[in-house]
């Protein structure tokens, strides 16, 4: 548990995306790179069929979209709480004055969690269509990136190599099973959520669920204290008592035993190579 919070965060930020975008070509003994181009490296789409809308329509669409769609798709349509980035959507690019967007907006996509707006008037619908086309072309001209990571960005690993690592060198199979606790994980989690679960099974460093360790402290009086571990270093240990308060003990004055079910994950963070990380991800993603 020593100094583990800062190191995993640095590792993911520095290595995760570069590995997905620029993995070296395959060679004998090296996992094969998937031939598909990362979505992050593809040029942004633009509206295929040129269309003209008034400035008023675009402004009205911005207001209407922000009120009804912004929570999921972002107020600027570039992705939000749960909805995809519509400024990169082929549906928008191929739409001609609402011929493709209209049915989706009015009927919704219940299986994807998108509600239907059956009572939306034609004027509002045209305004939203105008805003989406305007946003798509504006973002394309700016040549900017995205605020999210597409699951395909992470699919640079080799699932078979990941399975071998999982059951071999990584020793993941000593605690986890593809037919047990991880059965169907690839259907339940995708993209960064799956990667985060793999690297931080208790949650991101600093989150309430990140620390599941338990400390057993034997005092000089003979009393034994067993409580959740808050922090530990070479000289002291801090636990959380039943009232929620923190208590710190000097290791020179007590005997401490720490049981941490996630210790193996923290130790593994220092052993992962970029290839190992993405191979294991590919393997977990294949467990549908």
Protein backbone atom coordinates (compact mmCIF):
# COMPACT_ATOMS: atom_id res chain seq x y z
CA UNK A 1 0.00 0.00 0.00
CA UNK A 2 2.99 2.37 0.23
CA UNK A 3 2.88 5.26 -2.21
CA UNK A 4 0.53 3.38 -4.52
CA UNK A 5 -1.96 6.13 -5.29
CA UNK A 6 0.28 8.47 -7.25
CA UNK A 7 2.10 5.83 -9.28
CA UNK A 8 -0.90 4.06 -10.93
CA UNK A 9 -2.41 7.42 -11.91
CA UNK A 10 0.82 8.49 -13.60
CA UNK A 11 1.11 5.17 -15.40
CA UNK A 12 -2.35 5.33 -16.96
CA UNK A 13 -2.11 8.96 -18.03
CA UNK A 14 1.28 8.53 -19.64
CA UNK A 15 0.96 5.14 -21.24
CA UNK A 16 -2.68 4.36 -21.90
CA UNK A 17 -3.49 6.55 -24.87
CA UNK A 18 -0.06 6.54 -26.58
CA UNK A 19 -0.11 2.75 -26.54
CA UNK A 20 -3.48 2.77 -28.22
CA UNK A 21 -2.45 5.21 -30.91
CA UNK A 22 1.12 4.29 -31.71
CA UNK A 23 1.91 0.65 -30.94
CA UNK A 24 4.91 -0.60 -32.96
CA UNK A 25 4.34 -3.04 -35.85
CA UNK A 26 4.13 -6.72 -35.03
CA UNK A 27 7.11 -9.00 -35.30
CA UNK A 28 7.80 -12.65 -34.42
CA UNK A 29 6.96 -13.21 -30.78
CA UNK A 30 5.09 -9.91 -30.48
CA UNK A 31 1.25 -9.69 -30.32
CA UNK A 32 -0.34 -8.74 -33.62
CA UNK A 33 -1.69 -5.21 -33.83
CA UNK A 34 -5.27 -4.88 -34.98
CA UNK A 35 -5.41 -3.44 -38.51
CA UNK A 36 -8.22 -0.97 -37.77
CA UNK A 37 -7.32 2.68 -37.45
CA UNK A 38 -7.94 4.25 -34.06
CA UNK A 39 -11.02 6.52 -34.11
CA UNK A 40 -8.94 9.23 -32.44
CA UNK A 41 -6.59 9.37 -35.44
CA UNK A 42 -9.31 9.54 -38.09
CA UNK A 43 -10.22 12.96 -39.49
CA UNK A 44 -13.46 14.41 -38.19
CA UNK A 45 -16.44 13.91 -40.51
CA UNK A 46 -18.24 16.82 -42.13
CA UNK A 47 -21.77 17.08 -43.45
CA UNK A 48 -21.75 15.15 -46.74
CA UNK A 49 -24.53 17.11 -48.42
CA UNK A 50 -24.09 20.91 -48.04
CA UNK A 51 -27.09 22.47 -46.30
CA UNK A 52 -27.95 26.05 -45.43
CA UNK A 53 -29.67 27.13 -42.21
CA UNK A 54 -30.28 30.56 -40.78
CA UNK A 55 -28.37 31.84 -37.77
CA UNK A 56 -31.68 31.98 -35.90
CA UNK A 57 -32.36 28.30 -36.57
CA UNK A 58 -28.89 27.34 -35.30
CA UNK A 59 -29.30 29.47 -32.14
CA UNK A 60 -32.78 28.07 -31.46
CA UNK A 61 -31.45 24.56 -32.01
CA UNK A 62 -28.66 25.17 -29.54
CA UNK A 63 -31.17 26.14 -26.85
CA UNK A 64 -33.56 23.28 -27.65
CA UNK A 65 -30.74 20.73 -27.83
CA UNK A 66 -29.17 21.93 -24.60
CA UNK A 67 -32.47 21.62 -22.75
CA UNK A 68 -33.55 18.22 -24.03
CA UNK A 69 -30.37 16.45 -25.13
CA UNK A 70 -27.44 18.22 -23.47
CA UNK A 71 -27.31 16.10 -20.33
CA UNK A 72 -26.47 12.95 -22.29
CA UNK A 73 -24.75 14.38 -25.37
CA UNK A 74 -23.20 17.53 -23.91
CA UNK A 75 -24.54 21.03 -24.52
CA UNK A 76 -22.19 21.36 -27.49
CA UNK A 77 -23.18 17.85 -28.82
CA UNK A 78 -19.59 16.62 -28.37
CA UNK A 79 -20.46 13.94 -25.82
CA UNK A 80 -21.75 14.09 -22.28
CA UNK A 81 -22.82 12.03 -19.29
CA UNK A 82 -23.77 8.93 -21.27
CA UNK A 83 -24.47 9.87 -24.87
CA UNK A 84 -21.94 9.70 -27.71
CA UNK A 85 -20.19 12.57 -29.46
CA UNK A 86 -22.64 13.59 -32.20
CA UNK A 87 -20.09 15.83 -33.91
CA UNK A 88 -18.39 12.61 -35.07
CA UNK A 89 -21.57 10.64 -35.84
CA UNK A 90 -22.02 9.24 -39.35
CA UNK A 91 -25.76 9.62 -38.84
CA UNK A 92 -25.33 13.39 -38.65
CA UNK A 93 -22.81 13.49 -41.50
CA UNK A 94 -25.17 11.63 -43.87
CA UNK A 95 -28.34 13.41 -42.79
CA UNK A 96 -30.08 15.73 -45.27
CA UNK A 97 -32.30 18.25 -43.52
CA UNK A 98 -33.48 15.75 -40.92
CA UNK A 99 -34.23 12.74 -43.13
CA UNK A 100 -32.10 10.52 -40.89
CA UNK A 101 -31.97 12.50 -37.66
CA UNK A 102 -35.72 13.15 -37.55
CA UNK A 103 -36.85 9.51 -37.09
CA UNK A 104 -34.19 8.88 -34.45
CA UNK A 105 -35.10 12.01 -32.48
CA UNK A 106 -38.84 11.38 -32.63
CA UNK A 107 -38.73 7.59 -32.05
CA UNK A 108 -35.74 7.49 -29.73
CA UNK A 109 -33.56 4.46 -29.17
CA UNK A 110 -35.07 2.69 -26.14
CA UNK A 111 -32.48 -0.08 -26.16
CA UNK A 112 -29.71 2.51 -25.88
CA UNK A 113 -31.51 4.57 -23.24
CA UNK A 114 -32.50 7.42 -25.56
CA UNK A 115 -36.07 8.67 -24.99
CA UNK A 116 -38.51 9.46 -27.80
CA UNK A 117 -39.59 13.02 -28.56
CA UNK A 118 -42.74 12.14 -30.48
CA UNK A 119 -44.45 15.47 -29.81
CA UNK A 120 -41.57 17.62 -31.01
CA UNK A 121 -42.78 20.17 -33.56
CA UNK A 122 -41.27 20.51 -37.00
CA UNK A 123 -39.76 23.90 -36.19
CA UNK A 124 -37.90 22.58 -33.15
CA UNK A 125 -36.77 19.50 -35.04
CA UNK A 126 -35.34 21.57 -37.91
CA UNK A 127 -33.60 23.83 -35.40
CA UNK A 128 -31.90 20.88 -33.68
CA UNK A 129 -30.85 19.44 -37.05
CA UNK A 130 -29.42 22.85 -38.00
CA UNK A 131 -27.48 23.03 -34.73
CA UNK A 132 -26.04 19.52 -35.11
CA UNK A 133 -24.83 20.15 -38.66
CA UNK A 134 -23.37 23.48 -37.59
CA UNK A 135 -21.53 21.86 -34.68
CA UNK A 136 -20.20 19.02 -36.83
CA UNK A 137 -18.76 21.38 -39.43
CA UNK A 138 -17.40 23.77 -36.80
CA UNK A 139 -15.54 20.98 -35.00
CA UNK A 140 -14.27 19.57 -38.29
CA UNK A 141 -12.81 22.94 -39.28
CA UNK A 142 -11.18 23.32 -35.86
CA UNK A 143 -9.57 19.87 -36.21
CA UNK A 144 -9.79 19.40 -32.47
CA UNK A 145 -9.75 16.16 -30.51
CA UNK A 146 -12.39 14.63 -28.31
CA UNK A 147 -13.25 14.78 -24.66
CA UNK A 148 -13.81 11.02 -24.45
CA UNK A 149 -12.07 7.76 -25.36
CA UNK A 150 -13.76 5.44 -27.80
CA UNK A 151 -13.59 1.72 -26.84
CA UNK A 152 -11.93 1.05 -30.20
CA UNK A 153 -9.04 3.34 -29.16
CA UNK A 154 -8.05 0.76 -26.58
CA UNK A 155 -8.36 -2.30 -28.80
CA UNK A 156 -4.69 -2.53 -29.77
CA UNK A 157 -3.88 -5.68 -27.81
CA UNK A 158 -4.01 -9.37 -28.60
CA UNK A 159 -6.70 -11.31 -26.71
CA UNK A 160 -4.87 -14.65 -26.93
CA UNK A 161 -1.67 -13.11 -25.57
CA UNK A 162 -3.78 -11.51 -22.82
CA UNK A 163 -5.31 -14.87 -21.91
CA UNK A 164 -1.82 -16.40 -21.66
CA UNK A 165 -0.64 -13.55 -19.45
CA UNK A 166 -3.82 -13.72 -17.33
CA UNK A 167 -3.34 -17.43 -16.62
CA UNK A 168 0.46 -17.36 -16.60
CA UNK A 169 2.91 -14.57 -15.84
CA UNK A 170 0.29 -12.16 -14.47
CA UNK A 171 -1.15 -14.81 -12.09
CA UNK A 172 -4.57 -13.15 -12.44
CA UNK A 173 -6.17 -16.58 -12.70
CA UNK A 174 -5.13 -17.40 -9.13
CA UNK A 175 -7.90 -15.07 -7.87
CA UNK A 176 -10.18 -14.55 -10.87
CA UNK A 177 -11.92 -16.81 -13.36
CA UNK A 178 -13.18 -16.21 -16.90
CA UNK A 179 -16.12 -18.50 -16.14
CA UNK A 180 -16.65 -17.24 -12.59
CA UNK A 181 -16.41 -13.67 -11.30
CA UNK A 182 -15.37 -12.31 -14.72
CA UNK A 183 -17.91 -14.22 -16.82
CA UNK A 184 -19.48 -11.82 -19.31
CA UNK A 185 -17.38 -8.86 -18.15
CA UNK A 186 -16.88 -7.78 -21.79
CA UNK A 187 -20.64 -7.36 -22.17
CA UNK A 188 -21.08 -5.44 -18.91
CA UNK A 189 -18.13 -3.06 -19.26
CA UNK A 190 -16.42 -1.51 -22.27
CA UNK A 191 -13.78 1.08 -23.01
CA UNK A 192 -12.32 3.11 -20.17
CA UNK A 193 -14.76 1.63 -17.66
CA UNK A 194 -13.34 -1.82 -18.33
CA UNK A 195 -9.76 -0.51 -18.22
CA UNK A 196 -10.41 1.29 -14.93
CA UNK A 197 -12.00 -1.81 -13.42
CA UNK A 198 -8.96 -3.84 -14.46
CA UNK A 199 -6.44 -1.36 -13.04
CA UNK A 200 -8.45 -0.04 -10.08
CA UNK A 201 -10.85 -2.80 -8.99
CA UNK A 202 -11.80 -0.88 -5.85
CA UNK A 203 -12.27 2.41 -7.67
CA UNK A 204 -9.86 5.22 -8.60
CA UNK A 205 -7.19 6.13 -6.03
CA UNK A 206 -8.76 8.28 -3.33
CA UNK A 207 -12.31 7.09 -3.93
CA UNK A 208 -14.31 5.58 -1.02
CA UNK A 209 -14.04 2.04 -2.38
CA UNK A 210 -10.38 2.19 -3.35
CA UNK A 211 -9.05 1.06 0.01
CA UNK A 212 -10.43 -2.28 1.17
CA UNK A 213 -7.46 -3.11 3.40
CA UNK A 214 -7.91 -4.10 7.04
CA UNK A 215 -5.34 -3.52 9.78
CA UNK A 216 -4.93 -5.59 12.92
CA UNK A 217 -3.07 -3.62 15.57
CA UNK A 218 -1.79 -5.22 18.80
CA UNK A 219 -1.18 -2.63 21.49
CA UNK A 220 1.35 -2.91 24.31
CA UNK A 221 -1.56 -3.33 26.72
CA UNK A 222 -2.46 -6.56 24.98
CA UNK A 223 -5.58 -5.07 23.40
CA UNK A 224 -6.19 -5.82 19.71
CA UNK A 225 -7.72 -3.27 17.34
CA UNK A 226 -9.11 -4.41 13.97
CA UNK A 227 -10.29 -1.64 11.64
CA UNK A 228 -10.23 -0.44 8.01
CA UNK A 229 -6.84 0.87 6.98
CA UNK A 230 -6.69 4.55 5.99
CA UNK A 231 -2.98 5.03 5.28
CA UNK A 232 0.33 3.34 6.01
CA UNK A 233 3.98 4.33 5.69
CA UNK A 234 7.30 3.09 7.07
CA UNK A 235 6.69 4.67 10.46
CA UNK A 236 2.98 4.77 11.17
CA UNK A 237 -0.40 3.28 10.37
CA UNK A 238 -3.74 5.10 10.38
CA UNK A 239 -7.06 3.33 10.77
CA UNK A 240 -10.70 4.44 10.75
CA UNK A 241 -12.50 3.67 14.00
CA UNK A 242 -16.21 2.72 14.22
CA UNK A 243 -17.18 6.38 14.68
CA UNK A 244 -15.47 7.35 11.42
CA UNK A 245 -12.54 9.11 13.10
CA UNK A 246 -8.94 8.43 12.15
CA UNK A 247 -6.51 7.02 14.67
CA UNK A 248 -2.77 6.92 14.02
CA UNK A 249 -0.33 4.50 15.68
CA UNK A 250 3.45 4.54 15.53
CA UNK A 251 4.80 1.21 14.33
CA UNK A 252 7.59 1.34 16.92
CA UNK A 253 4.93 1.09 19.64
CA UNK A 254 2.57 -1.53 18.21
CA UNK A 255 2.53 -4.67 16.10
CA UNK A 256 0.68 -4.26 12.80
CA UNK A 257 -0.67 -6.80 10.33
CA UNK A 258 -2.34 -5.56 7.16
CA UNK A 259 -4.64 -7.66 5.00
CA UNK A 260 -5.31 -6.07 1.60
CA UNK A 261 -7.33 -8.04 -0.96
CA UNK A 262 -6.25 -5.56 -3.66
CA UNK A 263 -2.52 -5.67 -2.88
CA UNK A 264 -1.81 -7.93 -5.85
CA UNK A 265 -3.38 -5.37 -8.20
CA UNK A 266 -1.21 -2.56 -6.86
CA UNK A 267 1.89 -4.72 -7.14
CA UNK A 268 0.91 -5.68 -10.69
CA UNK A 269 0.82 -2.03 -11.72
CA UNK A 270 4.60 -1.91 -11.40
CA UNK A 271 5.03 -5.00 -13.57
CA UNK A 272 2.68 -4.26 -16.47
CA UNK A 273 4.25 -3.29 -19.77
CA UNK A 274 2.08 -1.34 -22.21
CA UNK A 275 1.63 -4.50 -24.26
CA UNK A 276 0.64 -6.57 -21.21
CA UNK A 277 -1.94 -3.98 -20.17
CA UNK A 278 -3.60 -3.82 -23.57
CA UNK A 279 -3.42 -7.58 -24.14
CA UNK A 280 -5.21 -8.27 -20.86
CA UNK A 281 -7.76 -5.61 -21.73
CA UNK A 282 -8.38 -7.30 -25.10
CA UNK A 283 -8.81 -10.64 -23.35
CA UNK A 284 -11.30 -9.27 -20.80
CA UNK A 285 -13.20 -7.48 -23.58
CA UNK A 286 -13.57 -10.83 -25.36
CA UNK A 287 -15.36 -12.40 -22.39
CA UNK A 288 -18.91 -11.78 -23.60
